[in-house]
Amino acid sequence: MLLPLKLDFPLPSCPSLEGIRAFAFLPPTKHKMENKEQVVLYSYWRSSCSWRVRTALAFKGIAYEYRAVHLVKGEQMSEEYVKQNPMKEVPTLVIDGNVLNQSVAILEYLEETRPEPPLLPRQVKSRTYW
């Protein structure tokens, strides 16, 4: 799970960084699933695609249960995981009764269903500068 990181210094001012936060990577904590509204992320800590989704969930303040899928050990091939993701890849996000399997599609879904805070600046021109 990602938690906000408190910095002792200001971040540089840049239009394209508007709204960006810094996060520290900490060991995931288990959240008890109380209802079907619980968000579950199947992920592997070394996966850049999974990292992208973890960062977006943290930025938007969405609590989730982390379920590790150890790719090196081949856990993505398990019968249980293949039921969630027939492509046998990570990440997989279970949210709002949907099972989403591609990181970019997951980000688009999060942005459409939970627009605040936005992952990218609203102004197109602001997204073109670094």
N, C-alpha and C. Protein backbone atom coordinates (compact mmCIF):
# COMPACT_ATOMS: atom_id res chain seq x y z
N MET A 1 0.85 -1.17 0.00
CA MET A 1 0.00 0.00 0.00
C MET A 1 0.89 1.23 0.00
N LEU A 2 0.46 2.28 -0.63
CA LEU A 2 1.22 3.51 -0.69
C LEU A 2 0.65 4.51 0.29
N LEU A 3 1.54 5.17 0.98
CA LEU A 3 1.12 6.20 1.92
C LEU A 3 1.80 7.51 1.56
N PRO A 4 1.15 8.65 1.84
CA PRO A 4 1.78 9.94 1.51
C PRO A 4 3.11 10.09 2.22
N LEU A 5 4.07 10.67 1.55
CA LEU A 5 5.39 10.92 2.10
C LEU A 5 5.51 12.40 2.40
N LYS A 6 5.86 12.74 3.63
CA LYS A 6 6.04 14.14 3.99
C LYS A 6 7.46 14.55 3.64
N LEU A 7 7.59 15.60 2.85
CA LEU A 7 8.89 16.08 2.41
C LEU A 7 9.31 17.28 3.24
N ASP A 8 10.60 17.39 3.49
CA ASP A 8 11.15 18.54 4.23
C ASP A 8 11.55 19.67 3.29
N PHE A 9 11.25 19.52 2.01
CA PHE A 9 11.62 20.52 1.03
C PHE A 9 10.48 20.67 0.02
N PRO A 10 10.35 21.83 -0.59
CA PRO A 10 9.27 22.01 -1.57
C PRO A 10 9.61 21.33 -2.89
N LEU A 11 8.57 20.86 -3.58
CA LEU A 11 8.76 20.32 -4.92
C LEU A 11 8.90 21.48 -5.90
N PRO A 12 9.66 21.30 -6.98
CA PRO A 12 9.82 22.38 -7.95
C PRO A 12 8.48 22.77 -8.56
N SER A 13 8.35 24.06 -8.86
CA SER A 13 7.13 24.55 -9.47
C SER A 13 7.18 24.25 -10.97
N CYS A 14 6.13 23.59 -11.45
CA CYS A 14 6.06 23.25 -12.87
C CYS A 14 4.60 23.03 -13.23
N PRO A 15 4.09 23.68 -14.28
CA PRO A 15 2.67 23.54 -14.63
C PRO A 15 2.23 22.10 -14.83
N SER A 16 3.09 21.27 -15.42
CA SER A 16 2.67 19.89 -15.70
C SER A 16 2.68 19.01 -14.45
N LEU A 17 3.27 19.48 -13.36
CA LEU A 17 3.30 18.71 -12.12
C LEU A 17 2.18 19.10 -11.16
N GLU A 18 1.26 19.93 -11.63
CA GLU A 18 0.16 20.38 -10.80
C GLU A 18 -0.60 19.19 -10.21
N GLY A 19 -0.71 19.16 -8.92
CA GLY A 19 -1.46 18.10 -8.26
C GLY A 19 -0.68 16.83 -8.00
N ILE A 20 0.58 16.77 -8.44
CA ILE A 20 1.36 15.55 -8.22
C ILE A 20 1.78 15.48 -6.75
N ARG A 21 1.73 14.26 -6.20
CA ARG A 21 2.16 14.03 -4.83
C ARG A 21 3.28 13.01 -4.83
N ALA A 22 4.10 13.03 -3.79
CA ALA A 22 5.16 12.03 -3.64
C ALA A 22 4.65 10.94 -2.71
N PHE A 23 4.99 9.71 -3.02
CA PHE A 23 4.55 8.58 -2.21
C PHE A 23 5.72 7.68 -1.87
N ALA A 24 5.67 7.12 -0.68
CA ALA A 24 6.68 6.14 -0.26
C ALA A 24 6.07 4.75 -0.40
N PHE A 25 6.88 3.82 -0.82
CA PHE A 25 6.41 2.45 -0.96
C PHE A 25 6.64 1.72 0.35
N LEU A 26 5.58 1.29 0.97
CA LEU A 26 5.63 0.57 2.23
C LEU A 26 5.02 -0.81 2.04
N PRO A 27 5.34 -1.74 2.93
CA PRO A 27 4.72 -3.06 2.80
C PRO A 27 3.21 -2.95 2.81
N PRO A 28 2.52 -3.74 2.00
CA PRO A 28 1.06 -3.66 1.94
C PRO A 28 0.43 -4.12 3.25
N THR A 29 -0.68 -3.52 3.57
CA THR A 29 -1.43 -3.96 4.74
C THR A 29 -2.72 -4.61 4.25
N LYS A 30 -3.15 -5.60 4.96
CA LYS A 30 -4.37 -6.31 4.59
C LYS A 30 -5.58 -5.57 5.13
N HIS A 31 -6.57 -5.40 4.31
CA HIS A 31 -7.83 -4.78 4.71
C HIS A 31 -8.90 -5.86 4.67
N LYS A 32 -9.65 -5.97 5.73
CA LYS A 32 -10.71 -6.97 5.78
C LYS A 32 -11.79 -6.61 4.78
N MET A 33 -12.16 -7.55 3.93
CA MET A 33 -13.21 -7.30 2.95
C MET A 33 -14.56 -7.37 3.65
N GLU A 34 -15.19 -6.22 3.79
CA GLU A 34 -16.46 -6.15 4.49
C GLU A 34 -17.65 -6.28 3.55
N ASN A 35 -17.47 -5.91 2.30
CA ASN A 35 -18.57 -6.00 1.34
C ASN A 35 -18.00 -6.08 -0.07
N LYS A 36 -18.89 -6.23 -1.03
CA LYS A 36 -18.42 -6.36 -2.41
C LYS A 36 -17.90 -5.05 -2.98
N GLU A 37 -18.06 -3.96 -2.24
CA GLU A 37 -17.54 -2.68 -2.69
C GLU A 37 -16.04 -2.57 -2.43
N GLN A 38 -15.47 -3.53 -1.70
CA GLN A 38 -14.04 -3.50 -1.41
C GLN A 38 -13.24 -3.60 -2.71
N VAL A 39 -12.20 -2.82 -2.79
CA VAL A 39 -11.33 -2.81 -3.96
C VAL A 39 -10.17 -3.78 -3.69
N VAL A 40 -9.87 -4.64 -4.65
CA VAL A 40 -8.80 -5.62 -4.50
C VAL A 40 -7.84 -5.46 -5.69
N LEU A 41 -6.56 -5.34 -5.38
CA LEU A 41 -5.53 -5.25 -6.42
C LEU A 41 -4.64 -6.47 -6.35
N TYR A 42 -4.61 -7.25 -7.44
CA TYR A 42 -3.68 -8.35 -7.59
C TYR A 42 -2.45 -7.76 -8.27
N SER A 43 -1.30 -7.89 -7.63
CA SER A 43 -0.14 -7.15 -8.09
C SER A 43 1.15 -7.88 -7.75
N TYR A 44 2.24 -7.44 -8.36
CA TYR A 44 3.57 -7.93 -8.04
C TYR A 44 4.45 -6.69 -7.86
N TRP A 45 5.22 -6.66 -6.81
CA TRP A 45 5.95 -5.46 -6.45
C TRP A 45 6.95 -5.00 -7.50
N ARG A 46 7.46 -5.89 -8.33
CA ARG A 46 8.45 -5.51 -9.35
C ARG A 46 7.81 -5.15 -10.69
N SER A 47 6.52 -5.25 -10.80
CA SER A 47 5.84 -4.97 -12.06
C SER A 47 5.63 -3.46 -12.23
N SER A 48 6.15 -2.91 -13.32
CA SER A 48 5.97 -1.47 -13.57
C SER A 48 4.50 -1.14 -13.86
N CYS A 49 3.78 -2.06 -14.47
CA CYS A 49 2.36 -1.83 -14.73
C CYS A 49 1.58 -1.82 -13.42
N SER A 50 1.92 -2.71 -12.51
CA SER A 50 1.28 -2.72 -11.20
C SER A 50 1.62 -1.45 -10.42
N TRP A 51 2.87 -1.00 -10.54
CA TRP A 51 3.30 0.21 -9.86
C TRP A 51 2.45 1.40 -10.32
N ARG A 52 2.20 1.46 -11.60
CA ARG A 52 1.39 2.55 -12.17
C ARG A 52 0.00 2.58 -11.51
N VAL A 53 -0.61 1.41 -11.34
CA VAL A 53 -1.95 1.34 -10.74
C VAL A 53 -1.90 1.66 -9.25
N ARG A 54 -0.89 1.13 -8.54
CA ARG A 54 -0.75 1.43 -7.10
C ARG A 54 -0.59 2.92 -6.87
N THR A 55 0.18 3.57 -7.73
CA THR A 55 0.40 5.01 -7.61
C THR A 55 -0.91 5.78 -7.83
N ALA A 56 -1.67 5.40 -8.83
CA ALA A 56 -2.95 6.07 -9.12
C ALA A 56 -3.94 5.87 -7.97
N LEU A 57 -4.01 4.65 -7.43
CA LEU A 57 -4.92 4.39 -6.30
C LEU A 57 -4.53 5.25 -5.09
N ALA A 58 -3.24 5.34 -4.83
CA ALA A 58 -2.78 6.15 -3.70
C ALA A 58 -3.07 7.63 -3.94
N PHE A 59 -2.79 8.10 -5.14
CA PHE A 59 -3.01 9.51 -5.48
C PHE A 59 -4.47 9.89 -5.31
N LYS A 60 -5.36 9.00 -5.71
CA LYS A 60 -6.79 9.26 -5.61
C LYS A 60 -7.35 8.92 -4.23
N GLY A 61 -6.53 8.37 -3.35
CA GLY A 61 -6.98 8.07 -2.00
C GLY A 61 -7.94 6.89 -1.92
N ILE A 62 -7.79 5.94 -2.83
CA ILE A 62 -8.68 4.77 -2.86
C ILE A 62 -8.05 3.64 -2.04
N ALA A 63 -8.72 3.24 -0.98
CA ALA A 63 -8.22 2.13 -0.16
C ALA A 63 -8.45 0.82 -0.90
N TYR A 64 -7.51 -0.09 -0.75
CA TYR A 64 -7.64 -1.37 -1.45
C TYR A 64 -6.93 -2.47 -0.67
N GLU A 65 -7.33 -3.68 -0.96
CA GLU A 65 -6.65 -4.85 -0.42
C GLU A 65 -5.61 -5.28 -1.44
N TYR A 66 -4.39 -5.49 -1.00
CA TYR A 66 -3.31 -5.91 -1.88
C TYR A 66 -3.18 -7.42 -1.81
N ARG A 67 -3.24 -8.09 -2.96
CA ARG A 67 -3.02 -9.53 -3.03
C ARG A 67 -1.83 -9.77 -3.95
N ALA A 68 -0.75 -10.22 -3.35
CA ALA A 68 0.49 -10.43 -4.11
C ALA A 68 0.37 -11.63 -5.03
N VAL A 69 0.84 -11.45 -6.25
CA VAL A 69 0.93 -12.52 -7.23
C VAL A 69 2.42 -12.61 -7.60
N HIS A 70 3.12 -13.60 -7.09
CA HIS A 70 4.56 -13.72 -7.29
C HIS A 70 4.83 -14.28 -8.69
N LEU A 71 5.25 -13.41 -9.59
CA LEU A 71 5.46 -13.80 -10.99
C LEU A 71 6.63 -14.77 -11.16
N VAL A 72 7.69 -14.58 -10.39
CA VAL A 72 8.86 -15.44 -10.52
C VAL A 72 8.52 -16.88 -10.12
N LYS A 73 7.65 -17.01 -9.12
CA LYS A 73 7.22 -18.35 -8.68
C LYS A 73 6.11 -18.91 -9.55
N GLY A 74 5.61 -18.12 -10.49
CA GLY A 74 4.57 -18.59 -11.41
C GLY A 74 3.16 -18.58 -10.84
N GLU A 75 2.94 -17.78 -9.79
CA GLU A 75 1.61 -17.75 -9.18
C GLU A 75 0.53 -17.23 -10.11
N GLN A 76 0.92 -16.51 -11.18
CA GLN A 76 -0.06 -16.01 -12.15
C GLN A 76 -0.67 -17.15 -12.97
N MET A 77 -0.06 -18.32 -12.90
CA MET A 77 -0.56 -19.48 -13.64
C MET A 77 -1.53 -20.32 -12.80
N SER A 78 -1.72 -19.95 -11.54
CA SER A 78 -2.59 -20.74 -10.67
C SER A 78 -4.04 -20.69 -11.15
N GLU A 79 -4.75 -21.75 -10.90
CA GLU A 79 -6.15 -21.84 -11.32
C GLU A 79 -6.98 -20.71 -10.74
N GLU A 80 -6.71 -20.37 -9.48
CA GLU A 80 -7.46 -19.30 -8.81
C GLU A 80 -7.24 -17.95 -9.50
N TYR A 81 -5.97 -17.65 -9.85
CA TYR A 81 -5.69 -16.36 -10.48
C TYR A 81 -6.19 -16.30 -11.91
N VAL A 82 -6.08 -17.40 -12.64
CA VAL A 82 -6.54 -17.42 -14.03
C VAL A 82 -8.04 -17.12 -14.12
N LYS A 83 -8.79 -17.43 -13.05
CA LYS A 83 -10.21 -17.08 -13.03
C LYS A 83 -10.39 -15.56 -13.02
N GLN A 84 -9.48 -14.85 -12.37
CA GLN A 84 -9.53 -13.39 -12.33
C GLN A 84 -8.97 -12.77 -13.61
N ASN A 85 -7.88 -13.37 -14.12
CA ASN A 85 -7.22 -12.81 -15.28
C ASN A 85 -6.76 -13.93 -16.20
N PRO A 86 -7.56 -14.29 -17.20
CA PRO A 86 -7.19 -15.37 -18.12
C PRO A 86 -5.89 -15.10 -18.89
N MET A 87 -5.46 -13.84 -18.96
CA MET A 87 -4.21 -13.52 -19.66
C MET A 87 -2.99 -13.83 -18.79
N LYS A 88 -3.21 -14.14 -17.51
CA LYS A 88 -2.14 -14.53 -16.58
C LYS A 88 -1.10 -13.45 -16.41
N GLU A 89 -1.56 -12.21 -16.28
CA GLU A 89 -0.67 -11.06 -16.11
C GLU A 89 -1.14 -10.24 -14.92
N VAL A 90 -0.28 -9.35 -14.46
CA VAL A 90 -0.67 -8.38 -13.44
C VAL A 90 -0.53 -7.00 -14.07
N PRO A 91 -1.28 -6.03 -13.60
CA PRO A 91 -2.19 -6.06 -12.46
C PRO A 91 -3.60 -6.50 -12.85
N THR A 92 -4.35 -6.85 -11.83
CA THR A 92 -5.79 -7.07 -11.96
C THR A 92 -6.44 -6.28 -10.83
N LEU A 93 -7.42 -5.47 -11.17
CA LEU A 93 -8.13 -4.68 -10.17
C LEU A 93 -9.59 -5.09 -10.16
N VAL A 94 -10.08 -5.44 -8.98
CA VAL A 94 -11.50 -5.75 -8.79
C VAL A 94 -12.10 -4.53 -8.10
N ILE A 95 -13.02 -3.87 -8.80
CA ILE A 95 -13.59 -2.62 -8.29
C ILE A 95 -15.00 -2.46 -8.85
N ASP A 96 -15.93 -2.03 -8.02
CA ASP A 96 -17.31 -1.78 -8.44
C ASP A 96 -17.94 -2.99 -9.12
N GLY A 97 -17.55 -4.18 -8.72
CA GLY A 97 -18.09 -5.39 -9.32
C GLY A 97 -17.47 -5.74 -10.66
N ASN A 98 -16.45 -5.00 -11.08
CA ASN A 98 -15.77 -5.23 -12.36
C ASN A 98 -14.38 -5.80 -12.11
N VAL A 99 -13.90 -6.60 -13.04
CA VAL A 99 -12.53 -7.11 -13.00
C VAL A 99 -11.80 -6.49 -14.18
N LEU A 100 -10.80 -5.65 -13.89
CA LEU A 100 -10.06 -4.94 -14.92
C LEU A 100 -8.64 -5.48 -14.97
N ASN A 101 -8.12 -5.70 -16.19
CA ASN A 101 -6.85 -6.42 -16.32
C ASN A 101 -5.70 -5.68 -17.00
N GLN A 102 -5.89 -4.52 -17.50
CA GLN A 102 -4.82 -3.78 -18.17
C GLN A 102 -4.59 -2.47 -17.44
N SER A 103 -3.33 -2.13 -17.17
CA SER A 103 -3.05 -0.95 -16.34
C SER A 103 -3.60 0.35 -16.95
N VAL A 104 -3.45 0.54 -18.24
CA VAL A 104 -3.96 1.78 -18.85
C VAL A 104 -5.48 1.82 -18.79
N ALA A 105 -6.13 0.69 -19.04
CA ALA A 105 -7.59 0.62 -18.93
C ALA A 105 -8.03 0.88 -17.49
N ILE A 106 -7.27 0.38 -16.53
CA ILE A 106 -7.58 0.62 -15.12
C ILE A 106 -7.49 2.10 -14.81
N LEU A 107 -6.43 2.76 -15.28
CA LEU A 107 -6.27 4.20 -15.04
C LEU A 107 -7.42 4.99 -15.67
N GLU A 108 -7.81 4.63 -16.87
CA GLU A 108 -8.92 5.31 -17.53
C GLU A 108 -10.21 5.09 -16.76
N TYR A 109 -10.43 3.88 -16.27
CA TYR A 109 -11.64 3.58 -15.49
C TYR A 109 -11.65 4.41 -14.21
N LEU A 110 -10.52 4.47 -13.51
CA LEU A 110 -10.45 5.26 -12.28
C LEU A 110 -10.71 6.73 -12.55
N GLU A 111 -10.15 7.23 -13.64
CA GLU A 111 -10.32 8.65 -13.97
C GLU A 111 -11.78 8.96 -14.34
N GLU A 112 -12.43 8.06 -15.04
CA GLU A 112 -13.82 8.27 -15.43
C GLU A 112 -14.79 8.13 -14.25
N THR A 113 -14.52 7.18 -13.36
CA THR A 113 -15.46 6.92 -12.27
C THR A 113 -15.15 7.72 -11.01
N ARG A 114 -13.92 8.17 -10.87
CA ARG A 114 -13.49 8.94 -9.71
C ARG A 114 -12.60 10.08 -10.19
N PRO A 115 -13.20 11.13 -10.76
CA PRO A 115 -12.42 12.17 -11.43
C PRO A 115 -11.59 13.07 -10.52
N GLU A 116 -11.83 13.06 -9.23
CA GLU A 116 -11.06 13.93 -8.33
C GLU A 116 -10.23 13.11 -7.37
N PRO A 117 -9.00 13.48 -7.16
CA PRO A 117 -8.22 14.45 -7.93
C PRO A 117 -7.84 13.86 -9.29
N PRO A 118 -7.70 14.71 -10.28
CA PRO A 118 -7.39 14.21 -11.63
C PRO A 118 -5.95 13.68 -11.70
N LEU A 119 -5.76 12.63 -12.47
CA LEU A 119 -4.42 12.08 -12.66
C LEU A 119 -3.57 12.99 -13.54
N LEU A 120 -4.20 13.69 -14.46
CA LEU A 120 -3.50 14.62 -15.35
C LEU A 120 -4.15 15.99 -15.24
N PRO A 121 -3.41 17.05 -15.55
CA PRO A 121 -4.01 18.38 -15.55
C PRO A 121 -5.20 18.44 -16.51
N ARG A 122 -6.21 19.23 -16.18
CA ARG A 122 -7.40 19.34 -17.01
C ARG A 122 -7.10 20.01 -18.36
N GLN A 123 -6.22 20.99 -18.34
CA GLN A 123 -5.90 21.72 -19.57
C GLN A 123 -4.93 20.90 -20.43
N VAL A 124 -5.29 20.71 -21.69
CA VAL A 124 -4.46 19.91 -22.60
C VAL A 124 -3.05 20.49 -22.69
N LYS A 125 -2.95 21.79 -22.79
CA LYS A 125 -1.63 22.43 -22.93
C LYS A 125 -0.76 22.13 -21.71
N SER A 126 -1.34 22.07 -20.53
CA SER A 126 -0.57 21.80 -19.32
C SER A 126 0.01 20.39 -19.34
N ARG A 127 -0.60 19.47 -20.07
CA ARG A 127 -0.10 18.11 -20.14
C ARG A 127 1.05 17.96 -21.11
N THR A 128 1.32 18.99 -21.91
CA THR A 128 2.37 18.88 -22.92
C THR A 128 3.72 19.38 -22.44
N TYR A 129 3.75 20.08 -21.30
CA TYR A 129 5.00 20.62 -20.78
C TYR A 129 5.54 19.74 -19.68
N TRP A 130 6.81 19.67 -19.56
CA TRP A 130 7.40 18.96 -18.43
C TRP A 130 8.18 19.90 -17.63
